């Protein structure tokens, strides 16, 4: 949930930055691309921070530590093995953040297209 909300929030911040940085009127499409890129970059930097923090202080922000599952099926064993690498958590975080950023960017595009940016 955090990555969904933060993706949309950083798109809003990206639109505000685009408005401040643009010396002249900026096209809504360019502003939406900038806002989406800004939100995605912040999400990637957060995942890098999680990796560095886990590496330095042995925390479990990326959910890399083994977590036993109640069912012993082969699928769950592979899932636990992948979870042990932190890959699934990182990819879910990035995907949820990017999808929410994309939705917010499209909404922002249509909103600002109706006004003079």
PDB file of N, CA and C in Angstrom:
ATOM      1  N   UNK A   1       0.817  -1.180   0.000  1.00  0.00           N
ATOM      2  CA  UNK A   1       0.000   0.000   0.000  1.00  0.00           C
ATOM      3  C   UNK A   1       0.873   1.261   0.000  1.00  0.00           C
ATOM      4  N   UNK A   2       1.981   1.206   0.716  1.00  0.00           N
ATOM      5  CA  UNK A   2       2.879   2.360   0.785  1.00  0.00           C
ATOM      6  C   UNK A   2       3.379   2.753  -0.598  1.00  0.00           C
ATOM      7  N   UNK A   3       3.767   1.783  -1.403  1.00  0.00           N
ATOM      8  CA  UNK A   3       4.316   2.083  -2.727  1.00  0.00           C
ATOM      9  C   UNK A   3       3.235   2.580  -3.692  1.00  0.00           C
ATOM     10  N   UNK A   4       2.004   2.128  -3.510  1.00  0.00           N
ATOM     11  CA  UNK A   4       0.907   2.624  -4.350  1.00  0.00           C
ATOM     12  C   UNK A   4       0.645   4.098  -4.050  1.00  0.00           C
ATOM     13  N   UNK A   5       0.557   4.427  -2.784  1.00  0.00           N
ATOM     14  CA  UNK A   5       0.305   5.817  -2.385  1.00  0.00           C
ATOM     15  C   UNK A   5       1.500   6.705  -2.724  1.00  0.00           C
ATOM     16  N   UNK A   6       2.701   6.212  -2.466  1.00  0.00           N
ATOM     17  CA  UNK A   6       3.885   7.046  -2.730  1.00  0.00           C
ATOM     18  C   UNK A   6       4.082   7.282  -4.224  1.00  0.00           C
ATOM     19  N   UNK A   7       3.750   6.309  -5.059  1.00  0.00           N
ATOM     20  CA  UNK A   7       3.866   6.505  -6.504  1.00  0.00           C
ATOM     21  C   UNK A   7       3.004   7.660  -6.975  1.00  0.00           C
ATOM     22  N   UNK A   8       1.755   7.692  -6.521  1.00  0.00           N
ATOM     23  CA  UNK A   8       0.845   8.771  -6.906  1.00  0.00           C
ATOM     24  C   UNK A   8       1.269  10.096  -6.275  1.00  0.00           C
ATOM     25  N   UNK A   9       1.726  10.052  -5.044  1.00  0.00           N
ATOM     26  CA  UNK A   9       2.158  11.277  -4.360  1.00  0.00           C
ATOM     27  C   UNK A   9       3.347  11.914  -5.065  1.00  0.00           C
ATOM     28  N   UNK A  10       4.320  11.099  -5.466  1.00  0.00           N
ATOM     29  CA  UNK A  10       5.485  11.649  -6.138  1.00  0.00           C
ATOM     30  C   UNK A  10       5.170  12.139  -7.549  1.00  0.00           C
ATOM     31  N   UNK A  11       4.113  11.629  -8.157  1.00  0.00           N
ATOM     32  CA  UNK A  11       3.661  12.188  -9.437  1.00  0.00           C
ATOM     33  C   UNK A  11       3.155  13.610  -9.209  1.00  0.00           C
ATOM     34  N   UNK A  12       2.395  13.815  -8.145  1.00  0.00           N
ATOM     35  CA  UNK A  12       1.902  15.158  -7.826  1.00  0.00           C
ATOM     36  C   UNK A  12       3.080  16.101  -7.597  1.00  0.00           C
ATOM     37  N   UNK A  13       4.071  15.635  -6.841  1.00  0.00           N
ATOM     38  CA  UNK A  13       5.268  16.446  -6.610  1.00  0.00           C
ATOM     39  C   UNK A  13       5.997  16.696  -7.930  1.00  0.00           C
ATOM     40  N   UNK A  14       6.042  15.694  -8.790  1.00  0.00           N
ATOM     41  CA  UNK A  14       6.674  15.845 -10.099  1.00  0.00           C
ATOM     42  C   UNK A  14       5.976  16.893 -10.960  1.00  0.00           C
ATOM     43  N   UNK A  15       4.640  16.917 -10.929  1.00  0.00           N
ATOM     44  CA  UNK A  15       3.908  17.955 -11.659  1.00  0.00           C
ATOM     45  C   UNK A  15       4.212  19.337 -11.096  1.00  0.00           C
ATOM     46  N   UNK A  16       4.308  19.437  -9.769  1.00  0.00           N
ATOM     47  CA  UNK A  16       4.625  20.729  -9.157  1.00  0.00           C
ATOM     48  C   UNK A  16       6.038  21.170  -9.537  1.00  0.00           C
ATOM     49  N   UNK A  17       6.982  20.226  -9.564  1.00  0.00           N
ATOM     50  CA  UNK A  17       8.348  20.557  -9.982  1.00  0.00           C
ATOM     51  C   UNK A  17       8.397  20.977 -11.444  1.00  0.00           C
ATOM     52  N   UNK A  18       7.652  20.274 -12.281  1.00  0.00           N
ATOM     53  CA  UNK A  18       7.625  20.625 -13.708  1.00  0.00           C
ATOM     54  C   UNK A  18       7.093  22.038 -13.896  1.00  0.00           C
ATOM     55  N   UNK A  19       6.096  22.388 -13.122  1.00  0.00           N
ATOM     56  CA  UNK A  19       5.529  23.730 -13.220  1.00  0.00           C
ATOM     57  C   UNK A  19       6.529  24.774 -12.756  1.00  0.00           C
ATOM     58  N   UNK A  20       7.255  24.486 -11.666  1.00  0.00           N
ATOM     59  CA  UNK A  20       8.250  25.428 -11.146  1.00  0.00           C
ATOM     60  C   UNK A  20       9.466  25.544 -12.063  1.00  0.00           C
ATOM     61  N   UNK A  21       9.908  24.410 -12.619  1.00  0.00           N
ATOM     62  CA  UNK A  21      11.120  24.401 -13.442  1.00  0.00           C
ATOM     63  C   UNK A  21      10.887  24.945 -14.843  1.00  0.00           C
ATOM     64  N   UNK A  22       9.666  24.837 -15.323  1.00  0.00           N
ATOM     65  CA  UNK A  22       9.362  25.297 -16.680  1.00  0.00           C
ATOM     66  C   UNK A  22       9.331  26.813 -16.741  1.00  0.00           C
ATOM     67  N   UNK A  23      10.221  27.397 -17.518  1.00  0.00           N
ATOM     68  CA  UNK A  23      10.269  28.857 -17.651  1.00  0.00           C
ATOM     69  C   UNK A  23       9.079  29.355 -18.465  1.00  0.00           C
ATOM     70  N   UNK A  24       8.701  28.571 -19.464  1.00  0.00           N
ATOM     71  CA  UNK A  24       7.552  28.918 -20.299  1.00  0.00           C
ATOM     72  C   UNK A  24       6.480  27.869 -20.076  1.00  0.00           C
ATOM     73  N   UNK A  25       5.371  28.038 -20.755  1.00  0.00           N
ATOM     74  CA  UNK A  25       4.298  27.059 -20.636  1.00  0.00           C
ATOM     75  C   UNK A  25       4.797  25.697 -21.126  1.00  0.00           C
ATOM     76  N   UNK A  26       4.595  24.681 -20.318  1.00  0.00           N
ATOM     77  CA  UNK A  26       5.036  23.338 -20.653  1.00  0.00           C
ATOM     78  C   UNK A  26       3.846  22.532 -21.158  1.00  0.00           C
ATOM     79  N   UNK A  27       4.092  21.681 -22.124  1.00  0.00           N
ATOM     80  CA  UNK A  27       2.993  20.862 -22.637  1.00  0.00           C
ATOM     81  C   UNK A  27       2.566  19.861 -21.559  1.00  0.00           C
ATOM     82  N   UNK A  28       1.285  19.552 -21.485  1.00  0.00           N
ATOM     83  CA  UNK A  28       0.812  18.582 -20.493  1.00  0.00           C
ATOM     84  C   UNK A  28       1.465  17.215 -20.647  1.00  0.00           C
ATOM     85  N   UNK A  29       1.745  16.807 -21.893  1.00  0.00           N
ATOM     86  CA  UNK A  29       2.380  15.510 -22.111  1.00  0.00           C
ATOM     87  C   UNK A  29       3.791  15.489 -21.526  1.00  0.00           C
ATOM     88  N   UNK A  30       4.552  16.532 -21.771  1.00  0.00           N
ATOM     89  CA  UNK A  30       5.908  16.606 -21.225  1.00  0.00           C
ATOM     90  C   UNK A  30       5.884  16.636 -19.701  1.00  0.00           C
ATOM     91  N   UNK A  31       4.934  17.370 -19.127  1.00  0.00           N
ATOM     92  CA  UNK A  31       4.802  17.422 -17.671  1.00  0.00           C
ATOM     93  C   UNK A  31       4.443  16.045 -17.108  1.00  0.00           C
ATOM     94  N   UNK A  32       3.561  15.317 -17.791  1.00  0.00           N
ATOM     95  CA  UNK A  32       3.164  13.985 -17.331  1.00  0.00           C
ATOM     96  C   UNK A  32       4.334  13.007 -17.414  1.00  0.00           C
ATOM     97  N   UNK A  33       5.108  13.082 -18.485  1.00  0.00           N
ATOM     98  CA  UNK A  33       6.280  12.205 -18.618  1.00  0.00           C
ATOM     99  C   UNK A  33       7.302  12.525 -17.532  1.00  0.00           C
ATOM    100  N   UNK A  34       7.533  13.818 -17.286  1.00  0.00           N
ATOM    101  CA  UNK A  34       8.458  14.216 -16.229  1.00  0.00           C
ATOM    102  C   UNK A  34       7.974  13.714 -14.867  1.00  0.00           C
ATOM    103  N   UNK A  35       6.684  13.896 -14.572  1.00  0.00           N
ATOM    104  CA  UNK A  35       6.136  13.477 -13.279  1.00  0.00           C
ATOM    105  C   UNK A  35       6.239  11.965 -13.100  1.00  0.00           C
ATOM    106  N   UNK A  36       5.914  11.199 -14.151  1.00  0.00           N
ATOM    107  CA  UNK A  36       6.028   9.739 -14.079  1.00  0.00           C
ATOM    108  C   UNK A  36       7.482   9.325 -13.870  1.00  0.00           C
ATOM    109  N   UNK A  37       8.389   9.937 -14.602  1.00  0.00           N
ATOM    110  CA  UNK A  37       9.807   9.609 -14.478  1.00  0.00           C
ATOM    111  C   UNK A  37      10.340   9.961 -13.093  1.00  0.00           C
ATOM    112  N   UNK A  38       9.900  11.090 -12.565  1.00  0.00           N
ATOM    113  CA  UNK A  38      10.320  11.506 -11.227  1.00  0.00           C
ATOM    114  C   UNK A  38       9.853  10.495 -10.185  1.00  0.00           C
ATOM    115  N   UNK A  39       8.582  10.105 -10.245  1.00  0.00           N
ATOM    116  CA  UNK A  39       8.031   9.156  -9.275  1.00  0.00           C
ATOM    117  C   UNK A  39       8.715   7.797  -9.385  1.00  0.00           C
ATOM    118  N   UNK A  40       8.979   7.345 -10.598  1.00  0.00           N
ATOM    119  CA  UNK A  40       9.643   6.059 -10.796  1.00  0.00           C
ATOM    120  C   UNK A  40      11.075   6.098 -10.269  1.00  0.00           C
ATOM    121  N   UNK A  41      11.766   7.194 -10.510  1.00  0.00           N
ATOM    122  CA  UNK A  41      13.136   7.334 -10.025  1.00  0.00           C
ATOM    123  C   UNK A  41      13.189   7.326  -8.501  1.00  0.00           C
ATOM    124  N   UNK A  42      12.254   8.003  -7.864  1.00  0.00           N
ATOM    125  CA  UNK A  42      12.215   8.002  -6.400  1.00  0.00           C
ATOM    126  C   UNK A  42      11.968   6.580  -5.890  1.00  0.00           C
ATOM    127  N   UNK A  43      11.080   5.836  -6.555  1.00  0.00           N
ATOM    128  CA  UNK A  43      10.827   4.447  -6.161  1.00  0.00           C
ATOM    129  C   UNK A  43      12.061   3.571  -6.289  1.00  0.00           C
ATOM    130  N   UNK A  44      12.795   3.747  -7.374  1.00  0.00           N
ATOM    131  CA  UNK A  44      14.022   2.967  -7.571  1.00  0.00           C
ATOM    132  C   UNK A  44      15.057   3.336  -6.510  1.00  0.00           C
ATOM    133  N   UNK A  45      15.193   4.626  -6.225  1.00  0.00           N
ATOM    134  CA  UNK A  45      16.143   5.051  -5.192  1.00  0.00           C
ATOM    135  C   UNK A  45      15.767   4.499  -3.822  1.00  0.00           C
ATOM    136  N   UNK A  46      14.470   4.395  -3.549  1.00  0.00           N
ATOM    137  CA  UNK A  46      14.033   3.804  -2.287  1.00  0.00           C
ATOM    138  C   UNK A  46      14.438   2.332  -2.208  1.00  0.00           C
ATOM    139  N   UNK A  47      14.273   1.605  -3.292  1.00  0.00           N
ATOM    140  CA  UNK A  47      14.661   0.198  -3.296  1.00  0.00           C
ATOM    141  C   UNK A  47      16.177   0.039  -3.118  1.00  0.00           C
ATOM    142  N   UNK A  48      16.950   0.934  -3.702  1.00  0.00           N
ATOM    143  CA  UNK A  48      18.405   0.918  -3.499  1.00  0.00           C
ATOM    144  C   UNK A  48      18.714   1.180  -2.029  1.00  0.00           C
ATOM    145  N   UNK A  49      18.006   2.142  -1.425  1.00  0.00           N
ATOM    146  CA  UNK A  49      18.185   2.416   0.000  1.00  0.00           C
ATOM    147  C   UNK A  49      17.883   1.168   0.832  1.00  0.00           C
ATOM    148  N   UNK A  50      16.773   0.472   0.530  1.00  0.00           N
ATOM    149  CA  UNK A  50      16.438  -0.753   1.255  1.00  0.00           C
ATOM    150  C   UNK A  50      17.562  -1.780   1.130  1.00  0.00           C
ATOM    151  N   UNK A  51      18.093  -1.947  -0.073  1.00  0.00           N
ATOM    152  CA  UNK A  51      19.172  -2.908  -0.286  1.00  0.00           C
ATOM    153  C   UNK A  51      20.409  -2.540   0.532  1.00  0.00           C
ATOM    154  N   UNK A  52      20.794  -1.271   0.486  1.00  0.00           N
ATOM    155  CA  UNK A  52      21.982  -0.836   1.225  1.00  0.00           C
ATOM    156  C   UNK A  52      21.767  -1.000   2.722  1.00  0.00           C
ATOM    157  N   UNK A  53      20.601  -0.621   3.195  1.00  0.00           N
ATOM    158  CA  UNK A  53      20.331  -0.755   4.635  1.00  0.00           C
ATOM    159  C   UNK A  53      20.338  -2.216   5.057  1.00  0.00           C
ATOM    160  N   UNK A  54      19.721  -3.097   4.266  1.00  0.00           N
ATOM    161  CA  UNK A  54      19.747  -4.524   4.589  1.00  0.00           C
ATOM    162  C   UNK A  54      21.172  -5.062   4.588  1.00  0.00           C
ATOM    163  N   UNK A  55      21.987  -4.602   3.651  1.00  0.00           N
ATOM    164  CA  UNK A  55      23.366  -5.091   3.537  1.00  0.00           C
ATOM    165  C   UNK A  55      24.223  -4.634   4.702  1.00  0.00           C
ATOM    166  N   UNK A  56      24.038  -3.399   5.135  1.00  0.00           N
ATOM    167  CA  UNK A  56      24.896  -2.849   6.192  1.00  0.00           C
ATOM    168  C   UNK A  56      24.459  -3.303   7.572  1.00  0.00           C
ATOM    169  N   UNK A  57      23.163  -3.259   7.843  1.00  0.00           N
ATOM    170  CA  UNK A  57      22.715  -3.506   9.221  1.00  0.00           C
ATOM    171  C   UNK A  57      21.925  -4.798   9.405  1.00  0.00           C
ATOM    172  N   UNK A  58      21.932  -5.670   8.427  1.00  0.00           N
ATOM    173  CA  UNK A  58      21.237  -6.967   8.510  1.00  0.00           C
ATOM    174  C   UNK A  58      19.763  -6.822   8.881  1.00  0.00           C
ATOM    175  N   UNK A  59      19.107  -5.795   8.332  1.00  0.00           N
ATOM    176  CA  UNK A  59      17.664  -5.663   8.523  1.00  0.00           C
ATOM    177  C   UNK A  59      16.954  -6.500   7.460  1.00  0.00           C
ATOM    178  N   UNK A  60      15.649  -6.464   7.449  1.00  0.00           N
ATOM    179  CA  UNK A  60      14.887  -7.298   6.528  1.00  0.00           C
ATOM    180  C   UNK A  60      13.873  -6.468   5.737  1.00  0.00           C
ATOM    181  N   UNK A  61      14.283  -5.278   5.297  1.00  0.00           N
ATOM    182  CA  UNK A  61      13.369  -4.396   4.561  1.00  0.00           C
ATOM    183  C   UNK A  61      12.957  -5.005   3.223  1.00  0.00           C
ATOM    184  N   UNK A  62      13.838  -5.774   2.597  1.00  0.00           N
ATOM    185  CA  UNK A  62      13.516  -6.396   1.307  1.00  0.00           C
ATOM    186  C   UNK A  62      12.963  -7.800   1.466  1.00  0.00           C
ATOM    187  N   UNK A  63      12.698  -8.184   2.667  1.00  0.00           N
ATOM    188  CA  UNK A  63      12.126  -9.502   2.979  1.00  0.00           C
ATOM    189  C   UNK A  63      12.978 -10.641   2.409  1.00  0.00           C
ATOM    190  N   UNK A  64      14.274 -10.555   2.614  1.00  0.00           N
ATOM    191  CA  UNK A  64      15.187 -11.562   2.091  1.00  0.00           C
ATOM    192  C   UNK A  64      15.397 -12.717   3.047  1.00  0.00           C
ATOM    193  N   UNK A  65      15.070 -12.548   4.327  1.00  0.00           N
ATOM    194  CA  UNK A  65      15.277 -13.638   5.286  1.00  0.00           C
ATOM    195  C   UNK A  65      14.223 -14.709   5.097  1.00  0.00           C
ATOM    196  N   UNK A  66      14.614 -15.942   5.343  1.00  0.00           N
ATOM    197  CA  UNK A  66      13.725 -17.086   5.175  1.00  0.00           C
ATOM    198  C   UNK A  66      12.526 -16.966   6.098  1.00  0.00           C
ATOM    199  N   UNK A  67      11.336 -17.182   5.538  1.00  0.00           N
ATOM    200  CA  UNK A  67      10.109 -17.177   6.318  1.00  0.00           C
ATOM    201  C   UNK A  67       9.386 -18.492   6.047  1.00  0.00           C
ATOM    202  N   UNK A  68       9.290 -19.360   7.020  1.00  0.00           N
ATOM    203  CA  UNK A  68       8.648 -20.659   6.774  1.00  0.00           C
ATOM    204  C   UNK A  68       7.172 -20.510   6.414  1.00  0.00           C
ATOM    205  N   UNK A  69       6.729 -21.351   5.487  1.00  0.00           N
ATOM    206  CA  UNK A  69       5.344 -21.345   5.041  1.00  0.00           C
ATOM    207  C   UNK A  69       4.648 -22.590   5.584  1.00  0.00           C
ATOM    208  N   UNK A  70       3.348 -22.523   5.854  1.00  0.00           N
ATOM    209  CA  UNK A  70       2.640 -23.666   6.440  1.00  0.00           C
ATOM    210  C   UNK A  70       2.480 -24.854   5.493  1.00  0.00           C
ATOM    211  N   UNK A  71       2.383 -24.615   4.186  1.00  0.00           N
ATOM    212  CA  UNK A  71       2.171 -25.687   3.218  1.00  0.00           C
ATOM    213  C   UNK A  71       3.510 -26.067   2.589  1.00  0.00           C
ATOM    214  N   UNK A  72       3.762 -27.343   2.352  1.00  0.00           N
ATOM    215  CA  UNK A  72       5.060 -27.783   1.834  1.00  0.00           C
ATOM    216  C   UNK A  72       5.041 -28.108   0.350  1.00  0.00           C
ATOM    217  N   UNK A  73       4.184 -27.493  -0.422  1.00  0.00           N
ATOM    218  CA  UNK A  73       4.130 -27.793  -1.847  1.00  0.00           C
ATOM    219  C   UNK A  73       5.383 -27.261  -2.547  1.00  0.00           C
ATOM    220  N   UNK A  74       5.657 -27.815  -3.735  1.00  0.00           N
ATOM    221  CA  UNK A  74       6.831 -27.404  -4.504  1.00  0.00           C
ATOM    222  C   UNK A  74       6.754 -25.934  -4.894  1.00  0.00           C
ATOM    223  N   UNK A  75       5.562 -25.458  -5.252  1.00  0.00           N
ATOM    224  CA  UNK A  75       5.401 -24.054  -5.633  1.00  0.00           C
ATOM    225  C   UNK A  75       5.777 -23.134  -4.477  1.00  0.00           C
ATOM    226  N   UNK A  76       5.326 -23.476  -3.276  1.00  0.00           N
ATOM    227  CA  UNK A  76       5.651 -22.638  -2.122  1.00  0.00           C
ATOM    228  C   UNK A  76       7.146 -22.686  -1.810  1.00  0.00           C
ATOM    229  N   UNK A  77       7.778 -23.828  -2.013  1.00  0.00           N
ATOM    230  CA  UNK A  77       9.221 -23.913  -1.763  1.00  0.00           C
ATOM    231  C   UNK A  77       9.985 -23.006  -2.715  1.00  0.00           C
ATOM    232  N   UNK A  78       9.578 -22.980  -4.000  1.00  0.00           N
ATOM    233  CA  UNK A  78      10.240 -22.067  -4.950  1.00  0.00           C
ATOM    234  C   UNK A  78       9.954 -20.622  -4.596  1.00  0.00           C
ATOM    235  N   UNK A  79       8.726 -20.336  -4.162  1.00  0.00           N
ATOM    236  CA  UNK A  79       8.386 -18.970  -3.765  1.00  0.00           C
ATOM    237  C   UNK A  79       9.223 -18.524  -2.574  1.00  0.00           C
ATOM    238  N   UNK A  80       9.387 -19.410  -1.604  1.00  0.00           N
ATOM    239  CA  UNK A  80      10.200 -19.085  -0.433  1.00  0.00           C
ATOM    240  C   UNK A  80      11.648 -18.889  -0.845  1.00  0.00           C
ATOM    241  N   UNK A  81      12.145 -19.702  -1.787  1.00  0.00           N
ATOM    242  CA  UNK A  81      13.526 -19.553  -2.250  1.00  0.00           C
ATOM    243  C   UNK A  81      13.720 -18.204  -2.933  1.00  0.00           C
ATOM    244  N   UNK A  82      12.752 -17.799  -3.767  1.00  0.00           N
ATOM    245  CA  UNK A  82      12.853 -16.487  -4.404  1.00  0.00           C
ATOM    246  C   UNK A  82      12.687 -15.373  -3.388  1.00  0.00           C
ATOM    247  N   UNK A  83      11.781 -15.578  -2.452  1.00  0.00           N
ATOM    248  CA  UNK A  83      11.578 -14.555  -1.427  1.00  0.00           C
ATOM    249  C   UNK A  83      12.861 -14.355  -0.638  1.00  0.00           C
ATOM    250  N   UNK A  84      13.611 -15.412  -0.475  1.00  0.00           N
ATOM    251  CA  UNK A  84      14.869 -15.317   0.248  1.00  0.00           C
ATOM    252  C   UNK A  84      15.855 -14.379  -0.419  1.00  0.00           C
ATOM    253  N   UNK A  85      15.698 -14.122  -1.713  1.00  0.00           N
ATOM    254  CA  UNK A  85      16.609 -13.211  -2.389  1.00  0.00           C
ATOM    255  C   UNK A  85      16.127 -11.764  -2.315  1.00  0.00           C
ATOM    256  N   UNK A  86      14.910 -11.542  -1.894  1.00  0.00           N
ATOM    257  CA  UNK A  86      14.355 -10.195  -1.854  1.00  0.00           C
ATOM    258  C   UNK A  86      13.815  -9.749  -3.201  1.00  0.00           C
ATOM    259  N   UNK A  87      13.965 -10.591  -4.222  1.00  0.00           N
ATOM    260  CA  UNK A  87      13.566 -10.223  -5.581  1.00  0.00           C
ATOM    261  C   UNK A  87      12.066  -9.968  -5.695  1.00  0.00           C
ATOM    262  N   UNK A  88      11.260 -10.857  -5.151  1.00  0.00           N
ATOM    263  CA  UNK A  88       9.811 -10.719  -5.275  1.00  0.00           C
ATOM    264  C   UNK A  88       9.341  -9.434  -4.604  1.00  0.00           C
ATOM    265  N   UNK A  89       9.828  -9.149  -3.409  1.00  0.00           N
ATOM    266  CA  UNK A  89       9.423  -7.933  -2.708  1.00  0.00           C
ATOM    267  C   UNK A  89       9.827  -6.690  -3.483  1.00  0.00           C
ATOM    268  N   UNK A  90      11.044  -6.663  -3.976  1.00  0.00           N
ATOM    269  CA  UNK A  90      11.528  -5.500  -4.724  1.00  0.00           C
ATOM    270  C   UNK A  90      10.719  -5.286  -5.994  1.00  0.00           C
ATOM    271  N   UNK A  91      10.466  -6.352  -6.732  1.00  0.00           N
ATOM    272  CA  UNK A  91       9.727  -6.222  -7.983  1.00  0.00           C
ATOM    273  C   UNK A  91       8.276  -5.805  -7.732  1.00  0.00           C
ATOM    274  N   UNK A  92       7.636  -6.369  -6.707  1.00  0.00           N
ATOM    275  CA  UNK A  92       6.270  -5.947  -6.382  1.00  0.00           C
ATOM    276  C   UNK A  92       6.239  -4.464  -6.036  1.00  0.00           C
ATOM    277  N   UNK A  93       7.186  -4.035  -5.214  1.00  0.00           N
ATOM    278  CA  UNK A  93       7.238  -2.619  -4.829  1.00  0.00           C
ATOM    279  C   UNK A  93       7.381  -1.725  -6.053  1.00  0.00           C
ATOM    280  N   UNK A  94       8.286  -2.078  -6.953  1.00  0.00           N
ATOM    281  CA  UNK A  94       8.507  -1.265  -8.151  1.00  0.00           C
ATOM    282  C   UNK A  94       7.286  -1.282  -9.076  1.00  0.00           C
ATOM    283  N   UNK A  95       6.695  -2.438  -9.262  1.00  0.00           N
ATOM    284  CA  UNK A  95       5.536  -2.553 -10.152  1.00  0.00           C
ATOM    285  C   UNK A  95       4.351  -1.764  -9.603  1.00  0.00           C
ATOM    286  N   UNK A  96       4.037  -1.935  -8.316  1.00  0.00           N
ATOM    287  CA  UNK A  96       2.910  -1.204  -7.728  1.00  0.00           C
ATOM    288  C   UNK A  96       3.147   0.300  -7.780  1.00  0.00           C
ATOM    289  N   UNK A  97       4.369   0.730  -7.495  1.00  0.00           N
ATOM    290  CA  UNK A  97       4.686   2.152  -7.555  1.00  0.00           C
ATOM    291  C   UNK A  97       4.556   2.704  -8.964  1.00  0.00           C
ATOM    292  N   UNK A  98       5.038   1.944  -9.956  1.00  0.00           N
ATOM    293  CA  UNK A  98       4.975   2.415 -11.342  1.00  0.00           C
ATOM    294  C   UNK A  98       3.543   2.428 -11.882  1.00  0.00           C
ATOM    295  N   UNK A  99       2.752   1.450 -11.523  1.00  0.00           N
ATOM    296  CA  UNK A  99       1.356   1.422 -11.995  1.00  0.00           C
ATOM    297  C   UNK A  99       0.584   2.596 -11.407  1.00  0.00           C
ATOM    298  N   UNK A 100       0.755   2.840 -10.106  1.00  0.00           N
ATOM    299  CA  UNK A 100       0.051   3.982  -9.507  1.00  0.00           C
ATOM    300  C   UNK A 100       0.574   5.296 -10.078  1.00  0.00           C
ATOM    301  N   UNK A 101       1.879   5.381 -10.358  1.00  0.00           N
ATOM    302  CA  UNK A 101       2.442   6.591 -10.972  1.00  0.00           C
ATOM    303  C   UNK A 101       1.887   6.789 -12.376  1.00  0.00           C
ATOM    304  N   UNK A 102       1.735   5.704 -13.124  1.00  0.00           N
ATOM    305  CA  UNK A 102       1.179   5.811 -14.469  1.00  0.00           C
ATOM    306  C   UNK A 102      -0.270   6.302 -14.437  1.00  0.00           C
ATOM    307  N   UNK A 103      -1.057   5.739 -13.539  1.00  0.00           N
ATOM    308  CA  UNK A 103      -2.456   6.157 -13.419  1.00  0.00           C
ATOM    309  C   UNK A 103      -2.535   7.630 -13.018  1.00  0.00           C
ATOM    310  N   UNK A 104      -1.738   8.020 -12.034  1.00  0.00           N
ATOM    311  CA  UNK A 104      -1.742   9.421 -11.588  1.00  0.00           C
ATOM    312  C   UNK A 104      -1.242  10.350 -12.690  1.00  0.00           C
ATOM    313  N   UNK A 105      -0.273   9.902 -13.479  1.00  0.00           N
ATOM    314  CA  UNK A 105       0.241  10.727 -14.578  1.00  0.00           C
ATOM    315  C   UNK A 105      -0.810  10.936 -15.664  1.00  0.00           C
ATOM    316  N   UNK A 106      -1.554   9.894 -15.980  1.00  0.00           N
ATOM    317  CA  UNK A 106      -2.621  10.012 -16.981  1.00  0.00           C
ATOM    318  C   UNK A 106      -3.707  10.962 -16.478  1.00  0.00           C
ATOM    319  N   UNK A 107      -4.083  10.822 -15.212  1.00  0.00           N
ATOM    320  CA  UNK A 107      -5.083  11.726 -14.634  1.00  0.00           C
ATOM    321  C   UNK A 107      -4.559  13.160 -14.652  1.00  0.00           C
ATOM    322  N   UNK A 108      -3.298  13.334 -14.263  1.00  0.00           N
ATOM    323  CA  UNK A 108      -2.700  14.666 -14.285  1.00  0.00           C
ATOM    324  C   UNK A 108      -2.618  15.249 -15.683  1.00  0.00           C
ATOM    325  N   UNK A 109      -2.304  14.395 -16.643  1.00  0.00           N
ATOM    326  CA  UNK A 109      -2.251  14.842 -18.038  1.00  0.00           C
ATOM    327  C   UNK A 109      -3.604  15.395 -18.479  1.00  0.00           C
ATOM    328  N   UNK A 110      -4.670  14.634 -18.248  1.00  0.00           N
ATOM    329  CA  UNK A 110      -6.001  15.082 -18.666  1.00  0.00           C
ATOM    330  C   UNK A 110      -6.442  16.316 -17.899  1.00  0.00           C
ATOM    331  N   UNK A 111      -6.062  16.388 -16.625  1.00  0.00           N
ATOM    332  CA  UNK A 111      -6.441  17.552 -15.823  1.00  0.00           C
ATOM    333  C   UNK A 111      -5.749  18.816 -16.326  1.00  0.00           C
ATOM    334  N   UNK A 112      -4.453  18.718 -16.589  1.00  0.00           N
ATOM    335  CA  UNK A 112      -3.709  19.897 -17.016  1.00  0.00           C
ATOM    336  C   UNK A 112      -3.885  20.197 -18.500  1.00  0.00           C
ATOM    337  N   UNK A 113      -4.354  19.224 -19.268  1.00  0.00           N
ATOM    338  CA  UNK A 113      -4.627  19.478 -20.681  1.00  0.00           C
ATOM    339  C   UNK A 113      -5.799  20.457 -20.818  1.00  0.00           C
ATOM    340  N   UNK A 114      -6.719  20.409 -19.883  1.00  0.00           N
ATOM    341  CA  UNK A 114      -7.884  21.290 -19.926  1.00  0.00           C
ATOM    342  C   UNK A 114      -7.534  22.725 -19.545  1.00  0.00           C
ATOM    343  N   UNK A 115      -6.414  22.909 -18.830  1.00  0.00           N
ATOM    344  CA  UNK A 115      -5.970  24.251 -18.442  1.00  0.00           C
ATOM    345  C   UNK A 115      -4.711  24.626 -19.180  1.00  0.00           C
ATOM    346  N   UNK A 116      -4.392  25.872 -19.111  1.00  0.00           N
ATOM    347  CA  UNK A 116      -3.107  26.329 -19.671  1.00  0.00           C
ATOM    348  C   UNK A 116      -2.057  26.071 -18.596  1.00  0.00           C
ATOM    349  N   UNK A 117      -1.106  25.232 -18.875  1.00  0.00           N
ATOM    350  CA  UNK A 117      -0.068  24.872 -17.905  1.00  0.00           C
ATOM    351  C   UNK A 117       0.968  25.904 -17.946  1.00  0.00           C
TER     352      UNK A 117
END
